[in-house]
N, C-alpha and C. Protein backbone atom coordinates (compact mmCIF):
# COMPACT_ATOMS: atom_id res chain seq x y z
N MET A 1 0.92 -1.10 -0.10
CA MET A 1 -0.05 -0.15 -0.02
C MET A 1 0.73 1.32 -0.07
N PRO A 2 0.65 2.35 -0.88
CA PRO A 2 1.46 3.50 -0.80
C PRO A 2 1.34 4.32 0.35
N ASN A 3 2.23 5.30 0.56
CA ASN A 3 2.09 6.15 1.62
C ASN A 3 0.75 7.10 1.33
N SER A 4 0.30 7.27 2.50
CA SER A 4 -0.96 8.54 2.25
C SER A 4 -0.83 9.47 3.42
N LEU A 5 -1.36 10.52 3.17
CA LEU A 5 -1.19 11.53 4.31
C LEU A 5 -2.26 11.54 5.35
N GLY A 6 -2.94 10.03 5.44
CA GLY A 6 -3.92 9.68 6.52
C GLY A 6 -3.22 9.63 7.86
N SER A 7 -3.77 8.70 8.72
CA SER A 7 -3.17 8.56 10.11
C SER A 7 -1.75 7.98 9.98
N PHE A 8 -0.91 8.65 10.84
CA PHE A 8 0.41 8.14 10.86
C PHE A 8 0.62 6.68 11.46
N GLY A 9 1.41 5.86 11.10
CA GLY A 9 1.60 4.52 11.46
C GLY A 9 0.71 3.59 10.69
N ALA A 10 -0.27 3.62 10.63
CA ALA A 10 -1.08 2.80 9.88
C ALA A 10 -0.86 2.77 8.44
N SER A 11 -0.59 3.81 7.83
CA SER A 11 -0.56 3.90 6.40
C SER A 11 0.85 3.94 5.89
N PHE A 12 1.92 3.94 6.71
CA PHE A 12 3.34 3.70 6.28
C PHE A 12 3.55 2.28 5.56
N PRO A 13 4.32 2.15 4.47
CA PRO A 13 4.56 0.83 3.90
C PRO A 13 5.48 0.03 5.15
N LYS A 14 5.33 -1.34 4.85
CA LYS A 14 5.80 -2.28 5.82
C LYS A 14 7.39 -2.11 5.92
N ALA A 15 8.13 -1.88 4.75
CA ALA A 15 9.62 -1.70 4.83
C ALA A 15 10.00 -0.47 5.78
N HIS A 16 9.20 0.55 5.92
CA HIS A 16 9.42 1.86 6.45
C HIS A 16 9.32 1.41 8.01
N LYS A 17 8.19 0.55 8.34
CA LYS A 17 7.86 0.35 9.65
C LYS A 17 8.98 -0.63 10.30
N THR A 18 9.64 -1.49 9.49
CA THR A 18 10.51 -2.51 10.09
C THR A 18 11.88 -1.76 10.16
N THR A 19 12.20 -0.71 9.25
CA THR A 19 13.61 -0.02 9.30
C THR A 19 13.52 1.11 10.30
N HIS A 20 12.63 1.80 10.58
CA HIS A 20 12.46 2.92 11.18
C HIS A 20 11.67 2.93 12.37
N GLN A 21 10.66 2.01 12.41
CA GLN A 21 9.76 2.15 13.52
C GLN A 21 9.65 0.85 14.04
N LYS A 22 9.14 0.57 15.46
CA LYS A 22 8.88 -0.61 15.82
C LYS A 22 7.50 -0.71 16.06
N SER A 23 6.84 -1.62 15.19
CA SER A 23 5.52 -2.03 15.15
C SER A 23 4.75 -0.67 14.90
N GLY A 24 5.26 0.18 14.13
CA GLY A 24 4.49 1.34 13.79
C GLY A 24 4.42 2.63 14.71
N ILE A 25 5.07 2.36 15.76
CA ILE A 25 5.10 3.43 17.00
C ILE A 25 6.30 4.38 16.74
N ASP A 26 5.96 5.58 16.82
CA ASP A 26 7.22 6.64 16.47
C ASP A 26 8.19 6.61 17.63
N GLU A 27 7.84 6.06 18.77
CA GLU A 27 8.80 6.21 19.88
C GLU A 27 10.08 5.40 19.93
N MET A 28 11.04 5.74 20.19
CA MET A 28 12.28 4.74 20.00
C MET A 28 12.90 4.95 21.46
N THR A 29 13.41 3.63 21.87
CA THR A 29 14.03 3.63 23.18
C THR A 29 15.52 3.09 23.05
N VAL A 30 16.36 3.00 24.17
CA VAL A 30 17.57 2.37 24.02
C VAL A 30 17.60 0.95 23.43
N ALA A 31 16.63 0.38 24.01
CA ALA A 31 16.38 -1.17 23.74
C ALA A 31 16.17 -1.19 22.33
N ASP A 32 15.42 -0.37 21.66
CA ASP A 32 15.07 -0.39 20.17
C ASP A 32 16.41 -0.41 19.43
N LEU A 33 17.28 0.12 19.84
CA LEU A 33 18.64 0.47 19.17
C LEU A 33 19.72 -0.82 19.10
N ALA A 34 19.04 -1.80 19.50
CA ALA A 34 19.86 -3.20 19.51
C ALA A 34 21.06 -3.09 19.35
N GLY A 35 21.62 -2.67 20.72
CA GLY A 35 23.11 -2.85 20.89
C GLY A 35 23.84 -1.61 20.38
N VAL A 36 23.34 -0.80 19.44
CA VAL A 36 24.13 0.40 19.08
C VAL A 36 24.56 1.33 20.46
N LEU A 37 23.63 1.48 21.14
CA LEU A 37 23.90 2.16 22.37
C LEU A 37 23.20 1.56 23.55
N THR A 38 24.09 1.01 24.47
CA THR A 38 23.34 0.27 25.70
C THR A 38 23.45 1.36 26.92
N ALA A 39 22.91 0.72 27.88
CA ALA A 39 23.00 1.51 29.32
C ALA A 39 24.32 1.72 29.64
N GLU A 40 25.35 0.79 29.51
CA GLU A 40 26.53 0.60 30.02
C GLU A 40 27.52 1.73 29.12
N GLN A 41 26.88 2.16 27.86
CA GLN A 41 27.84 3.16 27.05
C GLN A 41 27.30 4.39 27.57
N LYS A 42 26.29 4.73 28.35
CA LYS A 42 25.81 6.03 29.01
C LYS A 42 27.07 6.41 29.81
N SER A 43 27.25 7.72 30.21
CA SER A 43 28.02 8.15 31.20
C SER A 43 27.36 9.43 31.84
N SER A 44 27.51 9.67 33.02
CA SER A 44 27.14 10.57 33.61
C SER A 44 28.33 11.75 34.18
N TRP A 45 27.99 12.87 34.44
CA TRP A 45 29.11 13.83 34.93
C TRP A 45 29.67 13.15 36.24
N ALA A 46 29.04 12.40 37.07
CA ALA A 46 29.69 11.69 38.09
C ALA A 46 30.73 10.75 37.80
N GLN A 47 30.64 10.13 36.37
CA GLN A 47 31.48 8.96 36.13
C GLN A 47 32.71 9.62 35.45
N VAL A 48 32.85 10.82 35.12
CA VAL A 48 34.06 11.43 34.41
C VAL A 48 35.04 11.55 35.67
N SER A 49 36.39 11.01 35.29
CA SER A 49 37.40 10.93 36.16
C SER A 49 38.26 12.18 35.77
N GLY A 50 39.17 12.67 36.68
CA GLY A 50 40.18 13.73 36.79
C GLY A 50 39.78 14.93 36.61
N LYS A 51 38.28 15.36 36.77
CA LYS A 51 37.89 16.59 36.60
C LYS A 51 38.14 17.20 37.91
N PRO A 52 38.26 18.76 37.79
CA PRO A 52 38.54 19.32 39.32
C PRO A 52 37.21 19.40 39.92
N SER A 53 37.25 19.76 41.21
CA SER A 53 36.27 19.62 42.05
C SER A 53 35.67 21.22 42.31
N THR A 54 36.47 22.10 41.92
CA THR A 54 36.01 23.54 41.82
C THR A 54 36.75 24.10 40.72
N PHE A 55 36.27 25.33 40.39
CA PHE A 55 36.81 25.84 39.30
C PHE A 55 37.20 27.46 39.40
N PRO A 56 38.08 27.66 40.29
CA PRO A 56 38.49 29.06 40.81
C PRO A 56 39.41 29.51 39.58
N PRO A 57 39.48 30.77 39.21
CA PRO A 57 40.22 31.43 38.15
C PRO A 57 41.65 31.34 38.74
N ASP A 58 42.76 31.25 37.92
CA ASP A 58 43.92 31.54 38.57
C ASP A 58 44.17 32.87 38.90
N SER A 59 45.12 33.03 39.78
CA SER A 59 45.36 34.63 40.23
C SER A 59 46.06 35.28 39.11
N HIS A 60 45.41 36.44 39.03
CA HIS A 60 45.99 37.42 37.96
C HIS A 60 45.48 38.90 38.24
N THR A 61 46.08 39.80 37.67
CA THR A 61 45.86 41.24 37.81
C THR A 61 45.53 41.82 36.42
N HIS A 62 44.93 42.89 36.57
CA HIS A 62 44.77 43.83 35.31
C HIS A 62 45.32 45.23 35.54
N THR A 63 45.90 45.68 34.39
CA THR A 63 46.57 47.03 34.39
C THR A 63 45.38 48.03 33.97
N SER A 64 45.09 49.18 34.58
CA SER A 64 43.99 49.83 34.16
C SER A 64 44.70 51.12 33.65
N LEU A 65 44.16 51.47 32.55
CA LEU A 65 44.70 52.67 31.82
C LEU A 65 43.29 53.51 31.58
N GLY A 66 42.79 53.98 32.91
CA GLY A 66 41.46 54.82 32.69
C GLY A 66 40.30 53.95 32.44
N ASN A 67 39.70 54.15 31.25
CA ASN A 67 38.43 53.32 30.49
C ASN A 67 39.01 52.07 30.00
N LEU A 68 40.27 51.94 29.73
CA LEU A 68 40.81 50.76 28.85
C LEU A 68 41.58 49.93 30.02
N ASP A 69 41.22 48.65 30.02
CA ASP A 69 41.77 47.61 30.95
C ASP A 69 42.57 46.64 29.87
N VAL A 70 43.81 46.49 30.43
CA VAL A 70 44.76 45.67 29.36
C VAL A 70 45.15 44.59 30.35
N LEU A 71 44.73 43.27 29.81
CA LEU A 71 45.27 42.12 30.44
C LEU A 71 46.64 41.76 30.64
N ASN A 72 47.31 41.38 31.52
CA ASN A 72 48.87 41.05 31.71
C ASN A 72 49.20 39.79 30.94
N PHE A 73 49.27 39.70 29.69
CA PHE A 73 49.83 38.33 28.99
C PHE A 73 51.34 38.21 29.09
N THR A 74 51.58 37.03 28.86
CA THR A 74 53.10 36.64 29.12
C THR A 74 53.65 37.30 27.98
N CYS A 75 53.00 37.57 26.80
CA CYS A 75 53.79 38.08 25.75
C CYS A 75 53.25 39.63 25.55
N PHE A 76 53.09 40.13 26.60
CA PHE A 76 52.67 41.58 26.70
C PHE A 76 53.61 42.54 25.91
N ILE A 77 53.27 43.40 25.19
CA ILE A 77 54.26 44.37 24.67
C ILE A 77 54.13 45.69 25.36
N PRO A 78 55.00 46.30 25.98
CA PRO A 78 54.66 47.33 26.78
C PRO A 78 54.21 48.64 25.77
N PRO A 79 53.33 49.47 26.11
CA PRO A 79 52.88 50.52 25.27
C PRO A 79 53.93 51.69 25.03
N ILE A 80 53.80 52.18 23.91
CA ILE A 80 54.83 53.20 23.67
C ILE A 80 54.13 54.51 24.18
N VAL A 81 54.92 55.44 24.70
CA VAL A 81 54.28 56.76 25.13
C VAL A 81 54.65 57.81 24.01
N ILE A 82 53.52 58.63 23.88
CA ILE A 82 54.02 59.72 22.99
C ILE A 82 53.53 61.10 23.69
N SER A 83 54.42 61.78 23.96
CA SER A 83 54.36 63.00 24.65
C SER A 83 54.79 64.24 23.73
N ALA A 84 55.12 64.06 22.64
CA ALA A 84 55.34 65.16 21.63
C ALA A 84 55.11 64.60 20.19
N SER A 85 55.01 65.38 19.43
CA SER A 85 54.67 65.20 17.86
C SER A 85 56.07 64.70 17.47
N GLY A 86 55.87 63.61 16.52
CA GLY A 86 57.10 63.00 15.86
C GLY A 86 56.41 61.95 15.10
N THR A 87 57.37 61.18 14.20
CA THR A 87 57.04 60.21 13.31
C THR A 87 57.05 58.76 13.79
N LEU A 88 56.10 58.07 13.84
CA LEU A 88 56.20 56.70 14.44
C LEU A 88 56.68 55.74 13.16
N THR A 89 57.31 54.80 13.68
CA THR A 89 58.10 53.65 12.81
C THR A 89 56.93 52.60 12.23
N ALA A 90 57.30 51.96 11.16
CA ALA A 90 56.51 51.00 10.73
C ALA A 90 56.33 49.84 11.96
N ALA A 91 57.51 49.62 12.78
CA ALA A 91 57.54 48.65 13.69
C ALA A 91 56.47 49.17 14.78
N GLN A 92 56.35 50.35 15.13
CA GLN A 92 55.47 50.94 16.25
C GLN A 92 53.84 50.75 15.79
N CYS A 93 53.61 50.53 14.61
CA CYS A 93 52.32 50.51 13.92
C CYS A 93 51.90 48.87 13.66
N LYS A 94 52.50 48.01 14.27
CA LYS A 94 52.15 46.75 14.19
C LYS A 94 51.38 45.97 15.34
N GLY A 95 50.22 46.45 15.55
CA GLY A 95 49.49 45.97 16.64
C GLY A 95 49.94 46.77 17.92
N GLN A 96 50.30 47.65 17.94
CA GLN A 96 50.92 48.71 19.08
C GLN A 96 49.79 49.28 19.92
N VAL A 97 49.94 49.69 21.06
CA VAL A 97 49.34 50.51 21.97
C VAL A 97 50.23 51.83 22.32
N ALA A 98 49.72 52.90 21.92
CA ALA A 98 50.45 54.05 22.10
C ALA A 98 49.74 54.98 23.06
N LEU A 99 50.26 55.36 24.46
CA LEU A 99 49.74 56.29 25.28
C LEU A 99 49.96 57.57 24.90
N VAL A 100 48.96 58.44 24.57
CA VAL A 100 49.32 59.88 24.46
C VAL A 100 49.03 60.72 25.74
N THR A 101 50.07 61.18 26.14
CA THR A 101 50.40 61.85 27.50
C THR A 101 50.15 63.26 27.34
N ALA A 102 50.22 64.09 26.35
CA ALA A 102 50.28 65.41 26.09
C ALA A 102 49.72 65.71 24.73
N ALA A 103 49.46 66.97 24.52
CA ALA A 103 48.97 67.44 23.10
C ALA A 103 50.07 67.07 22.17
N ALA A 104 49.69 66.20 21.19
CA ALA A 104 50.67 65.90 20.29
C ALA A 104 49.94 65.56 18.84
N THR A 105 50.74 65.39 17.89
CA THR A 105 50.31 65.09 16.56
C THR A 105 51.22 63.86 15.94
N PRO A 106 51.12 62.77 16.46
CA PRO A 106 52.11 61.75 15.82
C PRO A 106 51.78 61.53 14.38
N LYS A 107 52.96 61.26 13.62
CA LYS A 107 52.68 61.30 12.07
C LYS A 107 52.89 59.76 11.89
N LEU A 108 51.96 59.05 11.02
CA LEU A 108 52.10 57.75 10.84
C LEU A 108 53.11 57.46 9.71
N PRO A 109 53.70 56.36 9.55
CA PRO A 109 54.47 56.02 8.45
C PRO A 109 53.78 55.61 7.20
N PRO A 110 54.12 55.53 6.15
CA PRO A 110 53.47 54.95 5.05
C PRO A 110 52.78 53.56 5.15
N VAL A 111 51.41 53.41 4.96
CA VAL A 111 50.68 52.40 5.21
C VAL A 111 51.37 51.09 4.82
N ALA A 112 51.36 50.17 5.52
CA ALA A 112 51.85 48.58 5.26
C ALA A 112 50.75 47.49 5.69
N ALA A 113 50.79 46.74 4.82
CA ALA A 113 49.87 45.48 5.05
C ALA A 113 49.93 44.99 6.52
N GLY A 114 48.73 44.77 7.20
CA GLY A 114 48.70 44.28 8.72
C GLY A 114 48.91 45.20 9.66
N ALA A 115 49.26 46.47 9.26
CA ALA A 115 49.51 47.57 10.43
C ALA A 115 48.23 47.69 10.99
N SER A 116 48.49 48.07 12.41
CA SER A 116 47.29 48.55 13.20
C SER A 116 47.84 49.30 14.46
N LEU A 117 47.11 50.13 14.75
CA LEU A 117 47.65 50.94 16.04
C LEU A 117 46.32 51.52 17.01
N LEU A 118 46.45 51.56 18.33
CA LEU A 118 45.63 51.90 18.95
C LEU A 118 46.42 53.19 19.79
N LEU A 119 45.87 54.44 19.74
CA LEU A 119 46.09 55.59 20.38
C LEU A 119 45.40 55.95 21.56
N TYR A 120 45.72 56.26 22.70
CA TYR A 120 44.87 56.32 23.85
C TYR A 120 45.31 57.61 24.69
N SER A 121 44.52 58.42 24.97
CA SER A 121 44.69 59.72 25.66
C SER A 121 44.71 59.56 27.25
N THR A 122 45.83 59.68 27.83
CA THR A 122 45.79 59.58 29.46
C THR A 122 45.29 60.67 30.12
N GLY A 123 45.12 61.92 29.44
CA GLY A 123 44.60 63.12 30.14
C GLY A 123 43.77 63.91 29.07
N ALA A 124 43.52 65.02 29.77
CA ALA A 124 42.39 65.75 28.74
C ALA A 124 43.43 66.45 27.75
N ASN A 125 43.95 65.70 26.71
CA ASN A 125 44.95 66.22 25.72
C ASN A 125 44.10 65.97 24.30
N ILE A 126 44.18 67.26 23.40
CA ILE A 126 43.84 67.07 22.23
C ILE A 126 44.96 66.42 21.49
N PHE A 127 44.69 65.25 20.72
CA PHE A 127 45.65 64.94 19.75
C PHE A 127 45.31 64.56 18.36
N SER A 128 46.03 64.59 17.30
CA SER A 128 45.68 64.31 16.11
C SER A 128 46.59 63.22 15.42
N VAL A 129 46.12 62.59 14.60
CA VAL A 129 46.89 61.44 14.00
C VAL A 129 46.98 61.90 12.47
N ASP A 130 48.30 62.01 12.07
CA ASP A 130 48.43 62.40 10.73
C ASP A 130 49.13 61.35 9.76
N PRO A 131 48.25 60.93 8.81
CA PRO A 131 48.87 59.98 7.99
C PRO A 131 49.99 60.48 6.86
N ASP A 132 50.60 59.45 6.43
CA ASP A 132 51.43 59.96 5.42
C ASP A 132 50.99 60.52 4.28
N ASP A 133 51.40 61.63 3.61
CA ASP A 133 50.71 62.61 2.63
C ASP A 133 50.28 61.70 1.54
N ALA A 134 50.72 60.57 1.18
CA ALA A 134 49.99 59.79 0.06
C ALA A 134 48.80 58.84 0.77
N ASP A 135 48.46 58.80 1.97
CA ASP A 135 47.45 57.96 2.60
C ASP A 135 46.30 58.68 3.05
N ARG A 136 45.24 57.82 3.21
CA ARG A 136 44.00 58.72 3.66
C ARG A 136 43.68 57.82 4.81
N ILE A 137 42.78 58.49 5.64
CA ILE A 137 42.11 57.94 6.95
C ILE A 137 40.59 57.71 6.57
N ARG A 138 40.08 56.69 6.91
CA ARG A 138 38.59 56.56 6.68
C ARG A 138 38.00 56.60 8.14
N LEU A 139 37.27 57.69 8.10
CA LEU A 139 36.43 58.03 9.33
C LEU A 139 35.12 57.89 9.27
N ASP A 140 34.39 57.33 10.12
CA ASP A 140 32.93 57.07 10.14
C ASP A 140 32.47 56.67 8.85
N GLY A 141 33.27 55.80 8.03
CA GLY A 141 33.03 55.49 6.85
C GLY A 141 33.20 56.21 5.37
N VAL A 142 33.72 57.49 6.06
CA VAL A 142 34.05 58.53 4.86
C VAL A 142 35.63 58.63 4.56
N ALA A 143 35.98 58.44 3.61
CA ALA A 143 37.47 58.47 3.07
C ALA A 143 37.84 59.93 3.03
N LEU A 144 38.62 60.43 3.88
CA LEU A 144 39.14 61.77 4.10
C LEU A 144 40.07 61.93 2.79
N THR A 145 40.60 63.23 2.60
CA THR A 145 41.49 63.43 1.55
C THR A 145 42.81 62.98 2.05
N ASP A 146 43.60 62.47 1.09
CA ASP A 146 45.09 62.10 1.42
C ASP A 146 45.81 63.07 2.28
N GLY A 147 46.44 62.80 3.21
CA GLY A 147 47.16 63.65 4.14
C GLY A 147 46.39 64.25 5.05
N HIS A 148 45.22 64.34 5.12
CA HIS A 148 44.50 64.86 6.29
C HIS A 148 44.50 64.07 7.57
N LYS A 149 44.67 64.55 8.70
CA LYS A 149 44.80 64.03 9.88
C LYS A 149 43.39 64.00 10.49
N ILE A 150 43.44 63.29 11.59
CA ILE A 150 42.04 63.42 12.58
C ILE A 150 42.47 63.71 13.71
N THR A 151 41.61 64.45 14.42
CA THR A 151 41.77 65.14 15.78
C THR A 151 40.66 64.66 16.79
N SER A 152 41.31 64.37 17.89
CA SER A 152 40.58 63.83 18.89
C SER A 152 39.75 65.10 19.70
N PRO A 153 38.68 64.83 20.17
CA PRO A 153 37.87 65.92 21.08
C PRO A 153 38.49 66.47 22.21
N GLY A 154 39.56 65.75 22.98
CA GLY A 154 40.24 66.18 24.04
C GLY A 154 39.93 65.78 25.15
N ALA A 155 39.29 64.88 25.48
CA ALA A 155 38.83 64.17 26.79
C ALA A 155 39.94 63.15 27.15
N ALA A 156 40.07 62.96 28.56
CA ALA A 156 40.62 61.77 29.02
C ALA A 156 40.15 60.58 28.83
N GLY A 157 40.81 59.69 27.99
CA GLY A 157 40.22 58.33 27.77
C GLY A 157 39.89 58.33 26.33
N ASP A 158 39.87 59.40 25.43
CA ASP A 158 39.72 59.27 24.32
C ASP A 158 40.61 58.19 23.41
N PHE A 159 40.13 57.49 22.56
CA PHE A 159 41.08 56.49 21.89
C PHE A 159 40.54 56.34 20.40
N VAL A 160 41.62 55.98 19.63
CA VAL A 160 41.26 55.69 18.12
C VAL A 160 41.88 54.41 17.82
N MET A 161 41.33 53.59 17.19
CA MET A 161 41.95 52.30 16.70
C MET A 161 42.06 52.25 15.30
N LEU A 162 43.14 52.35 14.62
CA LEU A 162 43.61 52.27 13.19
C LEU A 162 44.05 50.92 12.69
N TYR A 163 43.41 50.63 11.54
CA TYR A 163 43.72 49.33 10.74
C TYR A 163 44.19 49.87 9.33
N ALA A 164 45.43 49.17 8.92
CA ALA A 164 45.72 49.40 7.47
C ALA A 164 44.99 48.56 6.64
N ASP A 165 43.99 49.15 5.96
CA ASP A 165 42.86 48.19 5.25
C ASP A 165 43.27 48.07 3.86
N SER A 166 44.19 48.94 3.40
CA SER A 166 44.56 48.65 1.90
C SER A 166 45.89 49.51 1.61
N ALA A 167 46.42 49.49 0.30
CA ALA A 167 47.60 50.28 0.12
C ALA A 167 47.32 51.93 0.21
N ASP A 168 45.83 52.12 0.25
CA ASP A 168 45.52 53.56 0.15
C ASP A 168 45.48 54.03 1.49
N GLY A 169 45.29 53.26 2.56
CA GLY A 169 45.39 54.03 3.80
C GLY A 169 44.90 53.37 5.02
N TRP A 170 44.18 53.95 5.83
CA TRP A 170 43.95 53.42 7.27
C TRP A 170 42.50 53.58 7.45
N THR A 171 41.73 52.61 8.05
CA THR A 171 40.40 52.89 8.47
C THR A 171 40.35 52.83 9.97
N VAL A 172 39.54 53.85 10.63
CA VAL A 172 39.33 53.81 11.95
C VAL A 172 38.02 52.60 12.32
N ILE A 173 38.58 51.74 13.13
CA ILE A 173 37.71 50.54 13.36
C ILE A 173 37.10 50.73 14.90
N GLY A 174 37.56 51.71 15.53
CA GLY A 174 37.08 51.99 16.94
C GLY A 174 37.47 53.21 17.44
N ARG A 175 36.53 53.75 18.24
CA ARG A 175 36.98 55.01 18.72
C ARG A 175 36.14 55.56 19.98
N SER A 176 36.40 56.48 20.58
CA SER A 176 35.64 57.00 21.69
C SER A 176 35.71 58.44 21.59
N GLY A 177 34.52 59.14 21.56
CA GLY A 177 34.58 60.75 21.37
C GLY A 177 34.28 60.89 19.64
N ALA A 178 34.12 62.04 19.45
CA ALA A 178 33.91 62.52 18.28
C ALA A 178 35.16 63.17 17.43
N PHE A 179 36.02 62.20 17.02
CA PHE A 179 37.24 62.64 16.17
C PHE A 179 36.70 63.34 14.78
N THR A 180 37.38 64.29 14.38
CA THR A 180 37.06 65.06 13.33
C THR A 180 38.26 65.11 12.28
N ASP A 181 37.88 65.60 11.23
CA ASP A 181 38.68 65.78 9.75
C ASP A 181 39.63 66.90 10.36
N GLY A 182 40.85 66.82 10.71
CA GLY A 182 41.79 67.93 11.24
C GLY A 182 42.45 68.72 10.02
N GLY A 183 42.11 68.22 8.78
CA GLY A 183 42.80 68.99 7.60
C GLY A 183 44.19 68.57 7.40
């Protein structure tokens, strides 16, 4: 008899009942699996050996940078300190954190693949980030004119995260405060 959309169980072909169901009943039990999974193969959390009895975190500390907490990793790279205007090196723009401690305008090196930099103001300092003259910064989704810097609003805790997204320049991928096109 072919399948119909009538009552389930009674209208399925015999092959379906013997390979998928037990006597046309949709319920399956461990015993129905005929040795595929037996009660002895089940395990409970109590049967797991070698597990800790408690889960306390390892002792550790966090270094606070105002609103930014930095974890103390064993491979921690100390931040660079920017207290005056100057040109950053390509090495200083490879995943580095820069603490801006005074009003300054750090100049970025020509953009390089994989470069990224986080600049964080430790005080109420206005700082600007000046790209290479041939590079642009994309701020809030808008590509600024090549060579235009971005300027912070001047509050303690302002930060900007820059990522070298192409040979054309940098993109702001995170910030606090309203950075502006500083020309």
